[in-house]
Amino acid sequence: HDGQNLFDPNAAFGGQTWKAADALDNGAE
């Protein structure tokens, strides 16, 4: 949920994202 908060600081609430791509990239690697 709250998809605008997952990746892009320009779209995220308060400019703070979940850094979801980093979590998944690092976990796969």
PDB file of all heavy atoms in Angstrom:
ATOM      1  N   HIS A   1       0.835  -1.193   0.000  1.00  0.00           N
ATOM      2  CA  HIS A   1       0.000   0.000   0.000  1.00  0.00           C
ATOM      3  C   HIS A   1       0.882   1.261   0.000  1.00  0.00           C
ATOM      4  O   HIS A   1       2.097   1.186   0.139  1.00  0.00           O
ATOM      5  CB  HIS A   1      -0.902   0.001   1.232  1.00  0.00           C
ATOM      6  CG  HIS A   1      -1.552  -1.315   1.517  1.00  0.00           C
ATOM      7  ND1 HIS A   1      -2.573  -1.831   0.736  1.00  0.00           N
ATOM      8  CD2 HIS A   1      -1.319  -2.240   2.482  1.00  0.00           C
ATOM      9  CE1 HIS A   1      -2.957  -2.999   1.224  1.00  0.00           C
ATOM     10  NE2 HIS A   1      -2.201  -3.271   2.277  1.00  0.00           N
ATOM     11  N   ASP A   2       0.235   2.417  -0.136  1.00  0.00           N
ATOM     12  CA  ASP A   2       0.943   3.708  -0.090  1.00  0.00           C
ATOM     13  C   ASP A   2       2.088   3.738  -1.101  1.00  0.00           C
ATOM     14  O   ASP A   2       3.226   4.087  -0.785  1.00  0.00           O
ATOM     15  CB  ASP A   2       1.476   3.984   1.316  1.00  0.00           C
ATOM     16  CG  ASP A   2       0.365   4.084   2.354  1.00  0.00           C
ATOM     17  OD1 ASP A   2      -0.590   4.851   2.123  1.00  0.00           O
ATOM     18  OD2 ASP A   2       0.460   3.405   3.393  1.00  0.00           O
ATOM     19  N   GLY A   3       1.765   3.361  -2.348  1.00  0.00           N
ATOM     20  CA  GLY A   3       2.798   3.165  -3.358  1.00  0.00           C
ATOM     21  C   GLY A   3       3.675   4.364  -3.619  1.00  0.00           C
ATOM     22  O   GLY A   3       4.848   4.212  -3.991  1.00  0.00           O
ATOM     23  N   GLN A   4       3.177   5.594  -3.416  1.00  0.00           N
ATOM     24  CA  GLN A   4       4.004   6.767  -3.688  1.00  0.00           C
ATOM     25  C   GLN A   4       5.143   6.924  -2.690  1.00  0.00           C
ATOM     26  O   GLN A   4       6.069   7.716  -2.920  1.00  0.00           O
ATOM     27  CB  GLN A   4       3.157   8.041  -3.725  1.00  0.00           C
ATOM     28  CG  GLN A   4       2.413   8.377  -2.438  1.00  0.00           C
ATOM     29  CD  GLN A   4       0.993   7.875  -2.446  1.00  0.00           C
ATOM     30  OE1 GLN A   4       0.757   6.670  -2.539  1.00  0.00           O
ATOM     31  NE2 GLN A   4       0.030   8.785  -2.359  1.00  0.00           N
ATOM     32  N   ASN A   5       5.105   6.154  -1.593  1.00  0.00           N
ATOM     33  CA  ASN A   5       6.154   6.264  -0.575  1.00  0.00           C
ATOM     34  C   ASN A   5       7.280   5.247  -0.752  1.00  0.00           C
ATOM     35  O   ASN A   5       8.216   5.228   0.046  1.00  0.00           O
ATOM     36  CB  ASN A   5       5.552   6.075   0.818  1.00  0.00           C
ATOM     37  CG  ASN A   5       4.600   7.188   1.199  1.00  0.00           C
ATOM     38  OD1 ASN A   5       4.688   8.299   0.676  1.00  0.00           O
ATOM     39  ND2 ASN A   5       3.682   6.894   2.100  1.00  0.00           N
ATOM     40  N   LEU A   6       7.225   4.408  -1.762  1.00  0.00           N
ATOM     41  CA  LEU A   6       8.129   3.264  -1.836  1.00  0.00           C
ATOM     42  C   LEU A   6       9.490   3.584  -2.449  1.00  0.00           C
ATOM     43  O   LEU A   6      10.513   3.059  -2.000  1.00  0.00           O
ATOM     44  CB  LEU A   6       7.471   2.133  -2.630  1.00  0.00           C
ATOM     45  CG  LEU A   6       6.159   1.596  -2.062  1.00  0.00           C
ATOM     46  CD1 LEU A   6       5.566   0.556  -2.991  1.00  0.00           C
ATOM     47  CD2 LEU A   6       6.372   1.028  -0.665  1.00  0.00           C
ATOM     48  N   PHE A   7       9.530   4.437  -3.478  1.00  0.00           N
ATOM     49  CA  PHE A   7      10.752   4.585  -4.273  1.00  0.00           C
ATOM     50  C   PHE A   7      11.247   6.027  -4.430  1.00  0.00           C
ATOM     51  O   PHE A   7      12.443   6.276  -4.333  1.00  0.00           O
ATOM     52  CB  PHE A   7      10.522   4.026  -5.688  1.00  0.00           C
ATOM     53  CG  PHE A   7       9.968   2.641  -5.732  1.00  0.00           C
ATOM     54  CD1 PHE A   7       8.656   2.413  -6.114  1.00  0.00           C
ATOM     55  CD2 PHE A   7      10.765   1.546  -5.403  1.00  0.00           C
ATOM     56  CE1 PHE A   7       8.147   1.128  -6.169  1.00  0.00           C
ATOM     57  CE2 PHE A   7      10.255   0.263  -5.454  1.00  0.00           C
ATOM     58  CZ  PHE A   7       8.945   0.047  -5.837  1.00  0.00           C
ATOM     59  N   ASP A   8      10.352   6.938  -4.720  1.00  0.00           N
ATOM     60  CA  ASP A   8      10.722   8.275  -5.207  1.00  0.00           C
ATOM     61  C   ASP A   8      10.568   9.314  -4.103  1.00  0.00           C
ATOM     62  O   ASP A   8       9.443   9.595  -3.671  1.00  0.00           O
ATOM     63  CB  ASP A   8       9.838   8.637  -6.405  1.00  0.00           C
ATOM     64  CG  ASP A   8      10.251   9.935  -7.073  1.00  0.00           C
ATOM     65  OD1 ASP A   8      11.114  10.644  -6.535  1.00  0.00           O
ATOM     66  OD2 ASP A   8       9.700  10.233  -8.157  1.00  0.00           O
ATOM     67  N   PRO A   9      11.667   9.925  -3.640  1.00  0.00           N
ATOM     68  CA  PRO A   9      11.554  10.938  -2.581  1.00  0.00           C
ATOM     69  C   PRO A   9      10.744  12.153  -3.005  1.00  0.00           C
ATOM     70  O   PRO A   9      10.212  12.871  -2.154  1.00  0.00           O
ATOM     71  CB  PRO A   9      13.013  11.299  -2.276  1.00  0.00           C
ATOM     72  CG  PRO A   9      13.795  10.831  -3.443  1.00  0.00           C
ATOM     73  CD  PRO A   9      13.064   9.665  -4.004  1.00  0.00           C
ATOM     74  N   ASN A  10      10.631  12.404  -4.307  1.00  0.00           N
ATOM     75  CA  ASN A  10       9.835  13.532  -4.776  1.00  0.00           C
ATOM     76  C   ASN A  10       8.340  13.277  -4.626  1.00  0.00           C
ATOM     77  O   ASN A  10       7.543  14.220  -4.624  1.00  0.00           O
ATOM     78  CB  ASN A  10      10.154  13.834  -6.244  1.00  0.00           C
ATOM     79  CG  ASN A  10      11.574  14.301  -6.441  1.00  0.00           C
ATOM     80  OD1 ASN A  10      12.054  15.164  -5.713  1.00  0.00           O
ATOM     81  ND2 ASN A  10      12.270  13.717  -7.406  1.00  0.00           N
ATOM     82  N   ALA A  11       7.961  12.019  -4.514  1.00  0.00           N
ATOM     83  CA  ALA A  11       6.550  11.663  -4.361  1.00  0.00           C
ATOM     84  C   ALA A  11       6.211  11.242  -2.938  1.00  0.00           C
ATOM     85  O   ALA A  11       5.044  11.285  -2.541  1.00  0.00           O
ATOM     86  CB  ALA A  11       6.188  10.537  -5.327  1.00  0.00           C
ATOM     87  N   ALA A  12       7.211  10.825  -2.165  1.00  0.00           N
ATOM     88  CA  ALA A  12       6.969  10.228  -0.852  1.00  0.00           C
ATOM     89  C   ALA A  12       6.582  11.279   0.188  1.00  0.00           C
ATOM     90  O   ALA A  12       6.985  12.441   0.127  1.00  0.00           O
ATOM     91  CB  ALA A  12       8.219   9.482  -0.387  1.00  0.00           C
ATOM     92  N   PHE A  13       5.826  10.834   1.174  1.00  0.00           N
ATOM     93  CA  PHE A  13       5.428  11.688   2.290  1.00  0.00           C
ATOM     94  C   PHE A  13       6.668  12.176   3.033  1.00  0.00           C
ATOM     95  O   PHE A  13       7.494  11.377   3.486  1.00  0.00           O
ATOM     96  CB  PHE A  13       4.525  10.894   3.249  1.00  0.00           C
ATOM     97  CG  PHE A  13       4.085  11.669   4.452  1.00  0.00           C
ATOM     98  CD1 PHE A  13       3.108  12.635   4.341  1.00  0.00           C
ATOM     99  CD2 PHE A  13       4.658  11.431   5.697  1.00  0.00           C
ATOM    100  CE1 PHE A  13       2.693  13.360   5.457  1.00  0.00           C
ATOM    101  CE2 PHE A  13       4.255  12.143   6.822  1.00  0.00           C
ATOM    102  CZ  PHE A  13       3.266  13.122   6.695  1.00  0.00           C
ATOM    103  N   GLY A  14       6.828  13.481   3.116  1.00  0.00           N
ATOM    104  CA  GLY A  14       7.979  14.058   3.802  1.00  0.00           C
ATOM    105  C   GLY A  14       9.302  13.804   3.102  1.00  0.00           C
ATOM    106  O   GLY A  14      10.364  14.047   3.680  1.00  0.00           O
ATOM    107  N   GLY A  15       9.255  13.314   1.866  1.00  0.00           N
ATOM    108  CA  GLY A  15      10.484  13.044   1.133  1.00  0.00           C
ATOM    109  C   GLY A  15      11.216  11.791   1.573  1.00  0.00           C
ATOM    110  O   GLY A  15      12.307  11.500   1.076  1.00  0.00           O
ATOM    111  N   GLN A  16      10.602  11.025   2.487  1.00  0.00           N
ATOM    112  CA  GLN A  16      11.259   9.824   3.024  1.00  0.00           C
ATOM    113  C   GLN A  16      10.631   8.580   2.421  1.00  0.00           C
ATOM    114  O   GLN A  16       9.451   8.302   2.640  1.00  0.00           O
ATOM    115  CB  GLN A  16      11.120   9.773   4.544  1.00  0.00           C
ATOM    116  CG  GLN A  16      11.682   8.514   5.189  1.00  0.00           C
ATOM    117  CD  GLN A  16      13.168   8.357   4.965  1.00  0.00           C
ATOM    118  OE1 GLN A  16      13.932   9.298   5.193  1.00  0.00           O
ATOM    119  NE2 GLN A  16      13.600   7.182   4.539  1.00  0.00           N
ATOM    120  N   THR A  17      11.400   7.813   1.639  1.00  0.00           N
ATOM    121  CA  THR A  17      10.865   6.599   1.021  1.00  0.00           C
ATOM    122  C   THR A  17      11.167   5.369   1.877  1.00  0.00           C
ATOM    123  O   THR A  17      11.961   5.414   2.816  1.00  0.00           O
ATOM    124  CB  THR A  17      11.460   6.371  -0.376  1.00  0.00           C
ATOM    125  OG1 THR A  17      12.782   5.831  -0.257  1.00  0.00           O
ATOM    126  CG2 THR A  17      11.492   7.656  -1.180  1.00  0.00           C
ATOM    127  N   TRP A  18      10.561   4.264   1.462  1.00  0.00           N
ATOM    128  CA  TRP A  18      10.817   2.969   2.095  1.00  0.00           C
ATOM    129  C   TRP A  18      12.107   2.321   1.575  1.00  0.00           C
ATOM    130  O   TRP A  18      12.485   1.264   2.056  1.00  0.00           O
ATOM    131  CB  TRP A  18       9.657   2.026   1.804  1.00  0.00           C
ATOM    132  CG  TRP A  18       8.423   2.260   2.609  1.00  0.00           C
ATOM    133  CD1 TRP A  18       7.704   3.425   2.695  1.00  0.00           C
ATOM    134  CD2 TRP A  18       7.746   1.316   3.420  1.00  0.00           C
ATOM    135  NE1 TRP A  18       6.611   3.233   3.502  1.00  0.00           N
ATOM    136  CE2 TRP A  18       6.613   1.948   3.962  1.00  0.00           C
ATOM    137  CE3 TRP A  18       7.969  -0.020   3.720  1.00  0.00           C
ATOM    138  CZ2 TRP A  18       5.713   1.303   4.804  1.00  0.00           C
ATOM    139  CZ3 TRP A  18       7.077  -0.683   4.562  1.00  0.00           C
ATOM    140  CH2 TRP A  18       5.973  -0.017   5.100  1.00  0.00           C
ATOM    141  N   LYS A  19      12.725   2.925   0.567  1.00  0.00           N
ATOM    142  CA  LYS A  19      13.929   2.359  -0.062  1.00  0.00           C
ATOM    143  C   LYS A  19      13.683   0.905  -0.469  1.00  0.00           C
ATOM    144  O   LYS A  19      14.524   0.020  -0.293  1.00  0.00           O
ATOM    145  CB  LYS A  19      15.127   2.464   0.883  1.00  0.00           C
ATOM    146  CG  LYS A  19      15.435   3.899   1.301  1.00  0.00           C
ATOM    147  CD  LYS A  19      16.619   3.988   2.260  1.00  0.00           C
ATOM    148  CE  LYS A  19      16.879   5.434   2.658  1.00  0.00           C
ATOM    149  NZ  LYS A  19      17.991   5.550   3.628  1.00  0.00           N
ATOM    150  N   ALA A  20      12.497   0.699  -1.049  1.00  0.00           N
ATOM    151  CA  ALA A  20      12.071  -0.665  -1.368  1.00  0.00           C
ATOM    152  C   ALA A  20      12.938  -1.305  -2.435  1.00  0.00           C
ATOM    153  O   ALA A  20      13.237  -2.502  -2.370  1.00  0.00           O
ATOM    154  CB  ALA A  20      10.607  -0.648  -1.799  1.00  0.00           C
ATOM    155  N   ALA A  21      13.339  -0.526  -3.452  1.00  0.00           N
ATOM    156  CA  ALA A  21      14.183  -1.096  -4.499  1.00  0.00           C
ATOM    157  C   ALA A  21      15.529  -1.525  -3.936  1.00  0.00           C
ATOM    158  O   ALA A  21      16.068  -2.576  -4.307  1.00  0.00           O
ATOM    159  CB  ALA A  21      14.370  -0.088  -5.632  1.00  0.00           C
ATOM    160  N   ASP A  22      16.102  -0.715  -3.043  1.00  0.00           N
ATOM    161  CA  ASP A  22      17.378  -1.081  -2.430  1.00  0.00           C
ATOM    162  C   ASP A  22      17.245  -2.379  -1.647  1.00  0.00           C
ATOM    163  O   ASP A  22      18.120  -3.257  -1.703  1.00  0.00           O
ATOM    164  CB  ASP A  22      17.861   0.031  -1.486  1.00  0.00           C
ATOM    165  CG  ASP A  22      18.262   1.297  -2.232  1.00  0.00           C
ATOM    166  OD1 ASP A  22      18.515   1.218  -3.447  1.00  0.00           O
ATOM    167  OD2 ASP A  22      18.319   2.363  -1.590  1.00  0.00           O
ATOM    168  N   ALA A  23      16.142  -2.516  -0.890  1.00  0.00           N
ATOM    169  CA  ALA A  23      15.947  -3.727  -0.091  1.00  0.00           C
ATOM    170  C   ALA A  23      15.885  -4.963  -0.976  1.00  0.00           C
ATOM    171  O   ALA A  23      16.512  -5.989  -0.680  1.00  0.00           O
ATOM    172  CB  ALA A  23      14.671  -3.598   0.742  1.00  0.00           C
ATOM    173  N   LEU A  24      15.137  -4.870  -2.086  1.00  0.00           N
ATOM    174  CA  LEU A  24      14.985  -6.034  -2.952  1.00  0.00           C
ATOM    175  C   LEU A  24      16.245  -6.303  -3.774  1.00  0.00           C
ATOM    176  O   LEU A  24      16.644  -7.458  -3.952  1.00  0.00           O
ATOM    177  CB  LEU A  24      13.782  -5.837  -3.862  1.00  0.00           C
ATOM    178  CG  LEU A  24      12.427  -5.862  -3.150  1.00  0.00           C
ATOM    179  CD1 LEU A  24      11.305  -5.452  -4.092  1.00  0.00           C
ATOM    180  CD2 LEU A  24      12.137  -7.230  -2.554  1.00  0.00           C
ATOM    181  N   ASP A  25      16.889  -5.248  -4.271  1.00  0.00           N
ATOM    182  CA  ASP A  25      18.142  -5.436  -5.018  1.00  0.00           C
ATOM    183  C   ASP A  25      19.203  -6.076  -4.140  1.00  0.00           C
ATOM    184  O   ASP A  25      19.858  -7.057  -4.534  1.00  0.00           O
ATOM    185  CB  ASP A  25      18.665  -4.093  -5.540  1.00  0.00           C
ATOM    186  CG  ASP A  25      17.877  -3.555  -6.712  1.00  0.00           C
ATOM    187  OD1 ASP A  25      17.095  -4.311  -7.306  1.00  0.00           O
ATOM    188  OD2 ASP A  25      18.033  -2.360  -7.027  1.00  0.00           O
ATOM    189  N   ASN A  26      19.394  -5.509  -2.943  1.00  0.00           N
ATOM    190  CA  ASN A  26      20.436  -6.031  -2.048  1.00  0.00           C
ATOM    191  C   ASN A  26      20.117  -7.442  -1.590  1.00  0.00           C
ATOM    192  O   ASN A  26      21.012  -8.290  -1.460  1.00  0.00           O
ATOM    193  CB  ASN A  26      20.597  -5.106  -0.835  1.00  0.00           C
ATOM    194  CG  ASN A  26      21.124  -3.732  -1.207  1.00  0.00           C
ATOM    195  OD1 ASN A  26      21.764  -3.566  -2.253  1.00  0.00           O
ATOM    196  ND2 ASN A  26      20.857  -2.750  -0.381  1.00  0.00           N
ATOM    197  N   GLY A  27      18.846  -7.727  -1.347  1.00  0.00           N
ATOM    198  CA  GLY A  27      18.464  -9.066  -0.919  1.00  0.00           C
ATOM    199  C   GLY A  27      18.674 -10.106  -1.997  1.00  0.00           C
ATOM    200  O   GLY A  27      19.057 -11.246  -1.710  1.00  0.00           O
ATOM    201  N   ALA A  28      18.431  -9.728  -3.261  1.00  0.00           N
ATOM    202  CA  ALA A  28      18.649 -10.665  -4.358  1.00  0.00           C
ATOM    203  C   ALA A  28      20.121 -10.886  -4.623  1.00  0.00           C
ATOM    204  O   ALA A  28      20.534 -11.959  -5.072  1.00  0.00           O
ATOM    205  CB  ALA A  28      17.958 -10.157  -5.624  1.00  0.00           C
ATOM    206  N   GLU A  29      20.939  -9.890  -4.326  1.00  0.00           N
ATOM    207  CA  GLU A  29      22.356  -9.934  -4.683  1.00  0.00           C
ATOM    208  C   GLU A  29      23.219 -10.606  -3.619  1.00  0.00           C
ATOM    209  O   GLU A  29      24.304 -11.114  -3.915  1.00  0.00           O
ATOM    210  CB  GLU A  29      22.851  -8.500  -4.925  1.00  0.00           C
ATOM    211  CG  GLU A  29      24.252  -8.371  -5.479  1.00  0.00           C
ATOM    212  CD  GLU A  29      24.348  -8.810  -6.931  1.00  0.00           C
ATOM    213  OE1 GLU A  29      23.296  -9.103  -7.550  1.00  0.00           O
ATOM    214  OE2 GLU A  29      25.479  -8.874  -7.438  1.00  0.00           O
TER     215      GLU A  29
END
